[in-house]
Protein backbone atom coordinates (compact mmCIF):
# COMPACT_ATOMS: atom_id res chain seq x y z
CA MET A 1 -13.04 15.66 -38.76
CA ASN A 2 -14.80 12.09 -37.61
CA ARG A 3 -12.09 10.27 -39.52
CA ILE A 4 -9.22 11.75 -37.94
CA ALA A 5 -10.75 11.28 -34.48
CA GLY A 6 -11.47 7.57 -35.19
CA VAL A 7 -7.95 7.32 -36.33
CA MET A 8 -6.64 8.82 -33.23
CA ASP A 9 -8.81 6.66 -30.91
CA GLN A 10 -7.55 3.38 -32.72
CA ASP A 11 -3.79 4.71 -32.26
CA GLN A 12 -4.85 5.03 -28.71
CA ALA A 13 -6.22 1.85 -28.33
CA GLU A 14 -3.31 0.46 -29.82
CA LEU A 15 -0.66 2.10 -27.68
CA ARG A 16 -2.90 1.06 -24.47
CA LEU A 17 -2.90 -2.21 -25.63
CA LYS A 18 1.11 -2.11 -25.89
CA ILE A 19 1.29 -0.91 -22.54
CA ALA A 20 -0.93 -3.80 -20.98
CA LYS A 21 1.45 -6.05 -22.84
CA LEU A 22 4.83 -4.28 -21.32
CA ARG A 23 3.35 -4.09 -18.01
CA GLN A 24 2.89 -7.66 -18.02
CA GLU A 25 6.28 -8.49 -19.54
CA HIS A 26 7.78 -6.33 -16.77
CA ALA A 27 5.87 -8.10 -14.08
CA ASP A 28 7.15 -11.33 -15.42
CA TYR A 29 11.05 -10.06 -15.24
CA ASP A 30 10.22 -9.24 -11.77
CA ILE A 31 9.03 -12.59 -10.97
CA ALA A 32 11.73 -14.01 -12.64
CA ILE A 33 14.48 -11.98 -11.00
CA ASP A 34 13.11 -12.66 -7.74
CA ALA A 35 13.21 -16.54 -8.39
CA MET A 36 16.68 -16.29 -9.69
CA THR A 37 17.81 -14.19 -6.47
CA ALA A 38 16.31 -16.73 -4.17
CA TYR A 39 17.83 -19.82 -5.91
CA GLY A 40 21.19 -18.27 -6.00
CA SER A 41 21.36 -17.79 -9.99
CA ASP A 42 24.60 -16.31 -11.52
CA ARG A 43 24.84 -12.67 -10.94
CA LEU A 44 25.46 -11.52 -14.55
CA CYS A 45 22.51 -13.31 -15.58
CA ILE A 46 20.28 -11.53 -12.92
CA GLN A 47 22.10 -8.26 -13.84
CA ARG A 48 21.11 -9.03 -17.63
CA MET A 49 17.49 -9.51 -16.72
CA LYS A 50 17.32 -6.38 -14.63
CA LYS A 51 18.75 -4.33 -17.59
CA LYS A 52 15.91 -5.59 -19.81
CA LYS A 53 13.29 -4.89 -17.02
CA LEU A 54 14.70 -1.34 -16.93
CA THR A 55 14.62 -1.11 -20.81
CA ILE A 56 10.76 -2.02 -20.68
CA LYS A 57 10.11 0.25 -17.78
CA ASP A 58 11.75 3.05 -20.19
CA MET A 59 9.40 1.96 -23.20
CA LEU A 60 6.69 2.15 -20.88
CA GLU A 61 7.09 5.65 -19.87
CA GLU A 62 7.78 6.72 -23.38
CA ILE A 63 4.51 5.17 -24.58
CA GLU A 64 2.52 6.52 -21.61
CA SER A 65 4.16 10.08 -22.35
CA GLN A 66 2.33 9.79 -25.81
CA ILE A 67 -0.94 9.02 -24.31
CA ILE A 68 -0.89 11.39 -21.48
CA PRO A 69 -0.22 14.97 -22.43
CA ASP A 70 1.99 17.33 -20.48
CA ILE A 71 0.06 19.70 -18.11
CA ILE A 72 1.65 22.96 -17.76
CA ALA A 73 0.53 24.10 -14.20
């Protein structure tokens, strides 16, 4: 039983680390998009950046749902 709990804790720790990295990457894209918009960069390039940022957000939500169990009210 302790062995299983240890593995589960390790899995959660790895997921939390991945979340932290994805949040940072999401923030980096946000900053880059703001800068590109301010300097009048190519719209297509900005749209691609926004799509990548959205993909990261989706990944974050998926991982967070694995950590936080659904609570039925």
